[in-house]
PDB file of N, CA and C in Angstrom:
ATOM      1  N   UNK A   1     -16.483  16.677  -4.084  1.00  0.00           N
ATOM      2  CA  UNK A   1     -15.459  17.601  -3.652  1.00  0.00           C
ATOM      3  C   UNK A   1     -15.875  18.207  -2.310  1.00  0.00           C
ATOM      4  N   UNK A   2     -14.993  18.197  -1.361  1.00  0.00           N
ATOM      5  CA  UNK A   2     -15.271  18.725  -0.025  1.00  0.00           C
ATOM      6  C   UNK A   2     -15.143  20.235  -0.028  1.00  0.00           C
ATOM      7  N   UNK A   3     -16.138  20.877   0.524  1.00  0.00           N
ATOM      8  CA  UNK A   3     -16.157  22.340   0.560  1.00  0.00           C
ATOM      9  C   UNK A   3     -15.472  22.847   1.822  1.00  0.00           C
ATOM     10  N   UNK A   4     -14.592  23.805   1.680  1.00  0.00           N
ATOM     11  CA  UNK A   4     -13.873  24.385   2.813  1.00  0.00           C
ATOM     12  C   UNK A   4     -14.732  25.490   3.448  1.00  0.00           C
ATOM     13  N   UNK A   5     -14.771  25.504   4.761  1.00  0.00           N
ATOM     14  CA  UNK A   5     -15.493  26.544   5.477  1.00  0.00           C
ATOM     15  C   UNK A   5     -14.483  27.598   5.925  1.00  0.00           C
ATOM     16  N   UNK A   6     -14.726  28.823   5.529  1.00  0.00           N
ATOM     17  CA  UNK A   6     -13.849  29.920   5.936  1.00  0.00           C
ATOM     18  C   UNK A   6     -14.384  30.543   7.209  1.00  0.00           C
ATOM     19  N   UNK A   7     -13.490  30.944   8.074  1.00  0.00           N
ATOM     20  CA  UNK A   7     -13.854  31.662   9.285  1.00  0.00           C
ATOM     21  C   UNK A   7     -13.470  33.122   9.103  1.00  0.00           C
ATOM     22  N   UNK A   8     -14.455  33.978   9.242  1.00  0.00           N
ATOM     23  CA  UNK A   8     -14.216  35.411   9.092  1.00  0.00           C
ATOM     24  C   UNK A   8     -14.369  36.078  10.441  1.00  0.00           C
ATOM     25  N   UNK A   9     -13.581  37.087  10.693  1.00  0.00           N
ATOM     26  CA  UNK A   9     -13.636  37.796  11.965  1.00  0.00           C
ATOM     27  C   UNK A   9     -14.883  38.678  12.015  1.00  0.00           C
ATOM     28  N   UNK A  10     -15.222  39.050  13.227  1.00  0.00           N
ATOM     29  CA  UNK A  10     -16.358  39.949  13.422  1.00  0.00           C
ATOM     30  C   UNK A  10     -16.108  41.278  12.714  1.00  0.00           C
ATOM     31  N   UNK A  11     -14.879  41.738  12.748  1.00  0.00           N
ATOM     32  CA  UNK A  11     -14.532  43.009  12.119  1.00  0.00           C
ATOM     33  C   UNK A  11     -14.728  42.935  10.605  1.00  0.00           C
ATOM     34  N   UNK A  12     -14.306  41.826  10.001  1.00  0.00           N
ATOM     35  CA  UNK A  12     -14.465  41.659   8.560  1.00  0.00           C
ATOM     36  C   UNK A  12     -15.945  41.675   8.187  1.00  0.00           C
ATOM     37  N   UNK A  13     -16.741  40.947   8.952  1.00  0.00           N
ATOM     38  CA  UNK A  13     -18.185  40.884   8.674  1.00  0.00           C
ATOM     39  C   UNK A  13     -18.818  42.263   8.836  1.00  0.00           C
ATOM     40  N   UNK A  14     -18.439  42.972   9.888  1.00  0.00           N
ATOM     41  CA  UNK A  14     -18.994  44.300  10.143  1.00  0.00           C
ATOM     42  C   UNK A  14     -18.603  45.277   9.037  1.00  0.00           C
ATOM     43  N   UNK A  15     -17.347  45.213   8.599  1.00  0.00           N
ATOM     44  CA  UNK A  15     -16.910  46.099   7.514  1.00  0.00           C
ATOM     45  C   UNK A  15     -17.622  45.770   6.214  1.00  0.00           C
ATOM     46  N   UNK A  16     -17.859  44.492   5.952  1.00  0.00           N
ATOM     47  CA  UNK A  16     -18.586  44.098   4.741  1.00  0.00           C
ATOM     48  C   UNK A  16     -20.014  44.637   4.786  1.00  0.00           C
ATOM     49  N   UNK A  17     -20.643  44.570   5.941  1.00  0.00           N
ATOM     50  CA  UNK A  17     -22.003  45.091   6.095  1.00  0.00           C
ATOM     51  C   UNK A  17     -22.017  46.602   5.903  1.00  0.00           C
ATOM     52  N   UNK A  18     -21.014  47.276   6.455  1.00  0.00           N
ATOM     53  CA  UNK A  18     -20.943  48.727   6.298  1.00  0.00           C
ATOM     54  C   UNK A  18     -20.760  49.123   4.840  1.00  0.00           C
ATOM     55  N   UNK A  19     -20.011  48.335   4.082  1.00  0.00           N
ATOM     56  CA  UNK A  19     -19.872  48.597   2.647  1.00  0.00           C
ATOM     57  C   UNK A  19     -21.231  48.534   1.952  1.00  0.00           C
ATOM     58  N   UNK A  20     -22.011  47.555   2.310  1.00  0.00           N
ATOM     59  CA  UNK A  20     -23.346  47.410   1.706  1.00  0.00           C
ATOM     60  C   UNK A  20     -24.222  48.593   2.086  1.00  0.00           C
ATOM     61  N   UNK A  21     -24.186  48.971   3.359  1.00  0.00           N
ATOM     62  CA  UNK A  21     -25.077  50.026   3.845  1.00  0.00           C
ATOM     63  C   UNK A  21     -24.669  51.418   3.360  1.00  0.00           C
ATOM     64  N   UNK A  22     -23.371  51.662   3.209  1.00  0.00           N
ATOM     65  CA  UNK A  22     -22.905  53.016   2.898  1.00  0.00           C
ATOM     66  C   UNK A  22     -22.676  53.272   1.413  1.00  0.00           C
ATOM     67  N   UNK A  23     -22.701  52.231   0.601  1.00  0.00           N
ATOM     68  CA  UNK A  23     -22.495  52.430  -0.836  1.00  0.00           C
ATOM     69  C   UNK A  23     -23.753  52.020  -1.596  1.00  0.00           C
ATOM     70  N   UNK A  24     -23.832  52.437  -2.822  1.00  0.00           N
ATOM     71  CA  UNK A  24     -24.968  52.103  -3.665  1.00  0.00           C
ATOM     72  C   UNK A  24     -24.686  50.880  -4.532  1.00  0.00           C
ATOM     73  N   UNK A  25     -23.549  50.251  -4.305  1.00  0.00           N
ATOM     74  CA  UNK A  25     -23.200  49.079  -5.108  1.00  0.00           C
ATOM     75  C   UNK A  25     -24.046  47.882  -4.684  1.00  0.00           C
ATOM     76  N   UNK A  26     -24.342  47.002  -5.616  1.00  0.00           N
ATOM     77  CA  UNK A  26     -25.130  45.805  -5.287  1.00  0.00           C
ATOM     78  C   UNK A  26     -24.356  44.854  -4.372  1.00  0.00           C
ATOM     79  N   UNK A  27     -25.102  44.107  -3.586  1.00  0.00           N
ATOM     80  CA  UNK A  27     -24.491  43.148  -2.660  1.00  0.00           C
ATOM     81  C   UNK A  27     -23.663  42.118  -3.427  1.00  0.00           C
ATOM     82  N   UNK A  28     -24.152  41.703  -4.575  1.00  0.00           N
ATOM     83  CA  UNK A  28     -23.433  40.704  -5.373  1.00  0.00           C
ATOM     84  C   UNK A  28     -22.048  41.221  -5.758  1.00  0.00           C
ATOM     85  N   UNK A  29     -21.963  42.478  -6.144  1.00  0.00           N
ATOM     86  CA  UNK A  29     -20.680  43.068  -6.537  1.00  0.00           C
ATOM     87  C   UNK A  29     -19.740  43.161  -5.338  1.00  0.00           C
ATOM     88  N   UNK A  30     -20.262  43.616  -4.205  1.00  0.00           N
ATOM     89  CA  UNK A  30     -19.432  43.749  -3.003  1.00  0.00           C
ATOM     90  C   UNK A  30     -18.926  42.377  -2.564  1.00  0.00           C
ATOM     91  N   UNK A  31     -19.801  41.383  -2.605  1.00  0.00           N
ATOM     92  CA  UNK A  31     -19.398  40.031  -2.217  1.00  0.00           C
ATOM     93  C   UNK A  31     -18.282  39.521  -3.119  1.00  0.00           C
ATOM     94  N   UNK A  32     -18.415  39.759  -4.411  1.00  0.00           N
ATOM     95  CA  UNK A  32     -17.391  39.315  -5.356  1.00  0.00           C
ATOM     96  C   UNK A  32     -16.059  39.998  -5.061  1.00  0.00           C
ATOM     97  N   UNK A  33     -16.089  41.298  -4.773  1.00  0.00           N
ATOM     98  CA  UNK A  33     -14.866  42.036  -4.467  1.00  0.00           C
ATOM     99  C   UNK A  33     -14.198  41.524  -3.188  1.00  0.00           C
ATOM    100  N   UNK A  34     -15.015  41.102  -2.224  1.00  0.00           N
ATOM    101  CA  UNK A  34     -14.479  40.604  -0.958  1.00  0.00           C
ATOM    102  C   UNK A  34     -14.088  39.129  -1.025  1.00  0.00           C
ATOM    103  N   UNK A  35     -14.477  38.462  -2.106  1.00  0.00           N
ATOM    104  CA  UNK A  35     -14.137  37.052  -2.248  1.00  0.00           C
ATOM    105  C   UNK A  35     -15.025  36.126  -1.454  1.00  0.00           C
ATOM    106  N   UNK A  36     -16.263  36.549  -1.226  1.00  0.00           N
ATOM    107  CA  UNK A  36     -17.219  35.704  -0.516  1.00  0.00           C
ATOM    108  C   UNK A  36     -18.444  35.498  -1.390  1.00  0.00           C
ATOM    109  N   UNK A  37     -19.259  34.543  -1.018  1.00  0.00           N
ATOM    110  CA  UNK A  37     -20.475  34.277  -1.773  1.00  0.00           C
ATOM    111  C   UNK A  37     -21.542  35.310  -1.408  1.00  0.00           C
ATOM    112  N   UNK A  38     -22.361  35.696  -2.372  1.00  0.00           N
ATOM    113  CA  UNK A  38     -23.430  36.654  -2.070  1.00  0.00           C
ATOM    114  C   UNK A  38     -24.380  36.157  -0.975  1.00  0.00           C
ATOM    115  N   UNK A  39     -24.663  34.861  -0.980  1.00  0.00           N
ATOM    116  CA  UNK A  39     -25.537  34.300   0.053  1.00  0.00           C
ATOM    117  C   UNK A  39     -24.974  34.469   1.447  1.00  0.00           C
ATOM    118  N   UNK A  40     -23.656  34.389   1.547  1.00  0.00           N
ATOM    119  CA  UNK A  40     -22.994  34.590   2.840  1.00  0.00           C
ATOM    120  C   UNK A  40     -23.186  36.027   3.307  1.00  0.00           C
ATOM    121  N   UNK A  41     -23.016  36.965   2.407  1.00  0.00           N
ATOM    122  CA  UNK A  41     -23.173  38.374   2.760  1.00  0.00           C
ATOM    123  C   UNK A  41     -24.629  38.684   3.112  1.00  0.00           C
ATOM    124  N   UNK A  42     -25.567  38.091   2.382  1.00  0.00           N
ATOM    125  CA  UNK A  42     -26.988  38.270   2.721  1.00  0.00           C
ATOM    126  C   UNK A  42     -27.277  37.723   4.126  1.00  0.00           C
ATOM    127  N   UNK A  43     -26.697  36.579   4.454  1.00  0.00           N
ATOM    128  CA  UNK A  43     -26.899  35.993   5.785  1.00  0.00           C
ATOM    129  C   UNK A  43     -26.326  36.902   6.867  1.00  0.00           C
ATOM    130  N   UNK A  44     -25.135  37.473   6.607  1.00  0.00           N
ATOM    131  CA  UNK A  44     -24.541  38.396   7.569  1.00  0.00           C
ATOM    132  C   UNK A  44     -25.431  39.621   7.753  1.00  0.00           C
ATOM    133  N   UNK A  45     -25.998  40.110   6.648  1.00  0.00           N
ATOM    134  CA  UNK A  45     -26.891  41.275   6.723  1.00  0.00           C
ATOM    135  C   UNK A  45     -28.114  40.958   7.581  1.00  0.00           C
ATOM    136  N   UNK A  46     -28.711  39.800   7.351  1.00  0.00           N
ATOM    137  CA  UNK A  46     -29.896  39.404   8.121  1.00  0.00           C
ATOM    138  C   UNK A  46     -29.558  39.246   9.596  1.00  0.00           C
ATOM    139  N   UNK A  47     -28.421  38.639   9.883  1.00  0.00           N
ATOM    140  CA  UNK A  47     -27.991  38.465  11.265  1.00  0.00           C
ATOM    141  C   UNK A  47     -27.765  39.822  11.923  1.00  0.00           C
ATOM    142  N   UNK A  48     -27.178  40.750  11.191  1.00  0.00           N
ATOM    143  CA  UNK A  48     -26.928  42.090  11.721  1.00  0.00           C
ATOM    144  C   UNK A  48     -28.248  42.832  11.961  1.00  0.00           C
ATOM    145  N   UNK A  49     -29.199  42.704  11.040  1.00  0.00           N
ATOM    146  CA  UNK A  49     -30.504  43.351  11.228  1.00  0.00           C
ATOM    147  C   UNK A  49     -31.227  42.787  12.439  1.00  0.00           C
ATOM    148  N   UNK A  50     -31.102  41.484  12.643  1.00  0.00           N
ATOM    149  CA  UNK A  50     -31.814  40.820  13.743  1.00  0.00           C
ATOM    150  C   UNK A  50     -31.189  41.119  15.099  1.00  0.00           C
ATOM    151  N   UNK A  51     -29.840  41.104  15.172  1.00  0.00           N
ATOM    152  CA  UNK A  51     -29.165  41.199  16.464  1.00  0.00           C
ATOM    153  C   UNK A  51     -28.383  42.489  16.681  1.00  0.00           C
ATOM    154  N   UNK A  52     -28.221  43.297  15.671  1.00  0.00           N
ATOM    155  CA  UNK A  52     -27.510  44.564  15.826  1.00  0.00           C
ATOM    156  C   UNK A  52     -26.075  44.374  16.259  1.00  0.00           C
ATOM    157  N   UNK A  53     -25.649  45.097  17.282  1.00  0.00           N
ATOM    158  CA  UNK A  53     -24.264  45.052  17.750  1.00  0.00           C
ATOM    159  C   UNK A  53     -23.897  43.704  18.369  1.00  0.00           C
ATOM    160  N   UNK A  54     -24.903  42.920  18.765  1.00  0.00           N
ATOM    161  CA  UNK A  54     -24.623  41.624  19.382  1.00  0.00           C
ATOM    162  C   UNK A  54     -24.441  40.515  18.353  1.00  0.00           C
ATOM    163  N   UNK A  55     -24.553  40.851  17.074  1.00  0.00           N
ATOM    164  CA  UNK A  55     -24.364  39.855  16.025  1.00  0.00           C
ATOM    165  C   UNK A  55     -22.907  39.405  16.005  1.00  0.00           C
ATOM    166  N   UNK A  56     -22.679  38.200  15.581  1.00  0.00           N
ATOM    167  CA  UNK A  56     -21.340  37.621  15.432  1.00  0.00           C
ATOM    168  C   UNK A  56     -20.566  37.615  16.754  1.00  0.00           C
ATOM    169  N   UNK A  57     -21.037  36.879  17.761  1.00  0.00           N
ATOM    170  CA  UNK A  57     -20.366  36.893  19.061  1.00  0.00           C
ATOM    171  C   UNK A  57     -18.997  36.246  19.061  1.00  0.00           C
ATOM    172  N   UNK A  58     -18.695  35.403  18.108  1.00  0.00           N
ATOM    173  CA  UNK A  58     -17.376  34.774  18.043  1.00  0.00           C
ATOM    174  C   UNK A  58     -17.477  33.275  18.147  1.00  0.00           C
ATOM    175  N   UNK A  59     -16.375  32.616  17.900  1.00  0.00           N
ATOM    176  CA  UNK A  59     -16.341  31.164  17.887  1.00  0.00           C
ATOM    177  C   UNK A  59     -16.586  30.609  19.286  1.00  0.00           C
ATOM    178  N   UNK A  60     -17.598  29.768  19.392  1.00  0.00           N
ATOM    179  CA  UNK A  60     -17.901  29.118  20.660  1.00  0.00           C
ATOM    180  C   UNK A  60     -18.685  29.978  21.631  1.00  0.00           C
ATOM    181  N   UNK A  61     -18.965  31.210  21.278  1.00  0.00           N
ATOM    182  CA  UNK A  61     -19.718  32.086  22.162  1.00  0.00           C
ATOM    183  C   UNK A  61     -21.167  32.145  21.715  1.00  0.00           C
ATOM    184  N   UNK A  62     -22.045  32.444  22.643  1.00  0.00           N
ATOM    185  CA  UNK A  62     -23.465  32.529  22.346  1.00  0.00           C
ATOM    186  C   UNK A  62     -23.936  33.962  22.449  1.00  0.00           C
ATOM    187  N   UNK A  63     -25.062  34.222  21.806  1.00  0.00           N
ATOM    188  CA  UNK A  63     -25.716  35.512  21.974  1.00  0.00           C
ATOM    189  C   UNK A  63     -26.098  35.634  23.453  1.00  0.00           C
ATOM    190  N   UNK A  64     -26.176  36.833  23.990  1.00  0.00           N
ATOM    191  CA  UNK A  64     -26.487  36.987  25.420  1.00  0.00           C
ATOM    192  C   UNK A  64     -27.772  36.285  25.844  1.00  0.00           C
ATOM    193  N   UNK A  65     -28.825  36.368  25.031  1.00  0.00           N
ATOM    194  CA  UNK A  65     -30.073  35.702  25.416  1.00  0.00           C
ATOM    195  C   UNK A  65     -29.933  34.184  25.349  1.00  0.00           C
ATOM    196  N   UNK A  66     -29.140  33.675  24.405  1.00  0.00           N
ATOM    197  CA  UNK A  66     -28.910  32.231  24.324  1.00  0.00           C
ATOM    198  C   UNK A  66     -28.068  31.751  25.498  1.00  0.00           C
ATOM    199  N   UNK A  67     -27.100  32.559  25.901  1.00  0.00           N
ATOM    200  CA  UNK A  67     -26.269  32.221  27.053  1.00  0.00           C
ATOM    201  C   UNK A  67     -27.120  32.178  28.319  1.00  0.00           C
ATOM    202  N   UNK A  68     -28.032  33.124  28.462  1.00  0.00           N
ATOM    203  CA  UNK A  68     -28.915  33.146  29.625  1.00  0.00           C
ATOM    204  C   UNK A  68     -29.797  31.907  29.639  1.00  0.00           C
ATOM    205  N   UNK A  69     -30.340  31.539  28.477  1.00  0.00           N
ATOM    206  CA  UNK A  69     -31.185  30.344  28.375  1.00  0.00           C
ATOM    207  C   UNK A  69     -30.390  29.104  28.755  1.00  0.00           C
ATOM    208  N   UNK A  70     -29.152  28.996  28.248  1.00  0.00           N
ATOM    209  CA  UNK A  70     -28.313  27.841  28.558  1.00  0.00           C
ATOM    210  C   UNK A  70     -28.032  27.758  30.064  1.00  0.00           C
ATOM    211  N   UNK A  71     -27.739  28.896  30.663  1.00  0.00           N
ATOM    212  CA  UNK A  71     -27.458  28.931  32.104  1.00  0.00           C
ATOM    213  C   UNK A  71     -28.688  28.538  32.916  1.00  0.00           C
ATOM    214  N   UNK A  72     -29.858  29.046  32.521  1.00  0.00           N
ATOM    215  CA  UNK A  72     -31.087  28.715  33.248  1.00  0.00           C
ATOM    216  C   UNK A  72     -31.474  27.248  33.092  1.00  0.00           C
ATOM    217  N   UNK A  73     -31.245  26.680  31.901  1.00  0.00           N
ATOM    218  CA  UNK A  73     -31.534  25.256  31.700  1.00  0.00           C
ATOM    219  C   UNK A  73     -30.613  24.391  32.557  1.00  0.00           C
ATOM    220  N   UNK A  74     -29.350  24.788  32.658  1.00  0.00           N
ATOM    221  CA  UNK A  74     -28.397  24.059  33.502  1.00  0.00           C
ATOM    222  C   UNK A  74     -28.832  24.127  34.966  1.00  0.00           C
ATOM    223  N   UNK A  75     -29.236  25.303  35.398  1.00  0.00           N
ATOM    224  CA  UNK A  75     -29.697  25.478  36.780  1.00  0.00           C
ATOM    225  C   UNK A  75     -30.954  24.656  37.042  1.00  0.00           C
ATOM    226  N   UNK A  76     -31.862  24.615  36.063  1.00  0.00           N
ATOM    227  CA  UNK A  76     -33.085  23.833  36.212  1.00  0.00           C
ATOM    228  C   UNK A  76     -32.764  22.341  36.354  1.00  0.00           C
ATOM    229  N   UNK A  77     -31.834  21.837  35.558  1.00  0.00           N
ATOM    230  CA  UNK A  77     -31.436  20.427  35.674  1.00  0.00           C
ATOM    231  C   UNK A  77     -30.889  20.132  37.065  1.00  0.00           C
ATOM    232  N   UNK A  78     -30.077  21.046  37.590  1.00  0.00           N
ATOM    233  CA  UNK A  78     -29.490  20.865  38.919  1.00  0.00           C
ATOM    234  C   UNK A  78     -30.571  20.849  39.995  1.00  0.00           C
ATOM    235  N   UNK A  79     -31.483  21.785  39.936  1.00  0.00           N
ATOM    236  CA  UNK A  79     -32.540  21.879  40.945  1.00  0.00           C
ATOM    237  C   UNK A  79     -33.469  20.668  40.851  1.00  0.00           C
ATOM    238  N   UNK A  80     -33.768  20.217  39.640  1.00  0.00           N
ATOM    239  CA  UNK A  80     -34.617  19.039  39.456  1.00  0.00           C
ATOM    240  C   UNK A  80     -33.953  17.808  40.054  1.00  0.00           C
ATOM    241  N   UNK A  81     -32.654  17.668  39.835  1.00  0.00           N
ATOM    242  CA  UNK A  81     -31.916  16.533  40.393  1.00  0.00           C
ATOM    243  C   UNK A  81     -31.944  16.587  41.927  1.00  0.00           C
ATOM    244  N   UNK A  82     -31.730  17.764  42.500  1.00  0.00           N
ATOM    245  CA  UNK A  82     -31.758  17.907  43.953  1.00  0.00           C
ATOM    246  C   UNK A  82     -33.131  17.577  44.506  1.00  0.00           C
ATOM    247  N   UNK A  83     -34.183  18.024  43.821  1.00  0.00           N
ATOM    248  CA  UNK A  83     -35.538  17.729  44.258  1.00  0.00           C
ATOM    249  C   UNK A  83     -35.806  16.226  44.238  1.00  0.00           C
ATOM    250  N   UNK A  84     -35.371  15.558  43.177  1.00  0.00           N
ATOM    251  CA  UNK A  84     -35.591  14.111  43.073  1.00  0.00           C
ATOM    252  C   UNK A  84     -34.856  13.358  44.172  1.00  0.00           C
ATOM    253  N   UNK A  85     -33.659  13.798  44.506  1.00  0.00           N
ATOM    254  CA  UNK A  85     -32.903  13.166  45.594  1.00  0.00           C
ATOM    255  C   UNK A  85     -33.647  13.347  46.912  1.00  0.00           C
ATOM    256  N   UNK A  86     -34.168  14.552  47.147  1.00  0.00           N
ATOM    257  CA  UNK A  86     -34.903  14.794  48.393  1.00  0.00           C
ATOM    258  C   UNK A  86     -36.185  13.969  48.457  1.00  0.00           C
ATOM    259  N   UNK A  87     -36.855  13.797  47.335  1.00  0.00           N
ATOM    260  CA  UNK A  87     -38.065  12.957  47.310  1.00  0.00           C
ATOM    261  C   UNK A  87     -37.727  11.522  47.692  1.00  0.00           C
ATOM    262  N   UNK A  88     -36.636  11.013  47.133  1.00  0.00           N
ATOM    263  CA  UNK A  88     -36.232   9.639  47.445  1.00  0.00           C
ATOM    264  C   UNK A  88     -35.831   9.519  48.912  1.00  0.00           C
ATOM    265  N   UNK A  89     -35.147  10.511  49.435  1.00  0.00           N
ATOM    266  CA  UNK A  89     -34.748  10.485  50.837  1.00  0.00           C
ATOM    267  C   UNK A  89     -35.972  10.531  51.744  1.00  0.00           C
ATOM    268  N   UNK A  90     -36.944  11.332  51.393  1.00  0.00           N
ATOM    269  CA  UNK A  90     -38.180  11.403  52.188  1.00  0.00           C
ATOM    270  C   UNK A  90     -38.905  10.057  52.171  1.00  0.00           C
ATOM    271  N   UNK A  91     -38.921   9.399  51.030  1.00  0.00           N
ATOM    272  CA  UNK A  91     -39.573   8.086  50.933  1.00  0.00           C
ATOM    273  C   UNK A  91     -38.862   7.062  51.799  1.00  0.00           C
ATOM    274  N   UNK A  92     -37.533   7.098  51.818  1.00  0.00           N
ATOM    275  CA  UNK A  92     -36.763   6.150  52.635  1.00  0.00           C
ATOM    276  C   UNK A  92     -37.007   6.427  54.105  1.00  0.00           C
ATOM    277  N   UNK A  93     -36.941   7.663  54.540  1.00  0.00           N
ATOM    278  CA  UNK A  93     -37.110   7.989  55.949  1.00  0.00           C
ATOM    279  C   UNK A  93     -38.540   7.752  56.430  1.00  0.00           C
ATOM    280  N   UNK A  94     -39.527   8.036  55.602  1.00  0.00           N
ATOM    281  CA  UNK A  94     -40.910   7.816  56.025  1.00  0.00           C
ATOM    282  C   UNK A  94     -41.220   6.329  56.077  1.00  0.00           C
ATOM    283  N   UNK A  95     -40.589   5.509  55.296  1.00  0.00           N
ATOM    284  CA  UNK A  95     -40.795   4.052  55.296  1.00  0.00           C
ATOM    285  C   UNK A  95     -40.199   3.466  56.563  1.00  0.00           C
ATOM    286  N   UNK A  96     -39.070   3.987  57.034  1.00  0.00           N
ATOM    287  CA  UNK A  96     -38.416   3.458  58.231  1.00  0.00           C
ATOM    288  C   UNK A  96     -39.196   3.759  59.504  1.00  0.00           C
ATOM    289  N   UNK A  97     -40.006   4.800  59.497  1.00  0.00           N
ATOM    290  CA  UNK A  97     -40.744   5.184  60.703  1.00  0.00           C
ATOM    291  C   UNK A  97     -41.977   4.319  60.922  1.00  0.00           C
ATOM    292  N   UNK A  98     -42.438   3.606  59.918  1.00  0.00           N
ATOM    293  CA  UNK A  98     -43.661   2.808  60.062  1.00  0.00           C
ATOM    294  C   UNK A  98     -43.425   1.517  60.790  1.00  0.00           C
TER     295      UNK A  98
END
């Protein structure tokens, strides 16, 4: 049987976390009331503890530090390619002068 993946909004996840933090009810009970699996709510809690307000950036978006890493890796690839082209050009020009 194929399992369906539900997409929850950042607001829904944040409100679910606030329910856990502000009430004395167990996470399992809150998850059942919200119609989600307890493991999902535990994962949201861990993500919130790790990233705080930057947790749950949205579909297709990255955490700010991940976005910075992606941008720097792209820039590094570009600079490496430019350097390699210049090396090849230097080899061609220095060979012609001999």
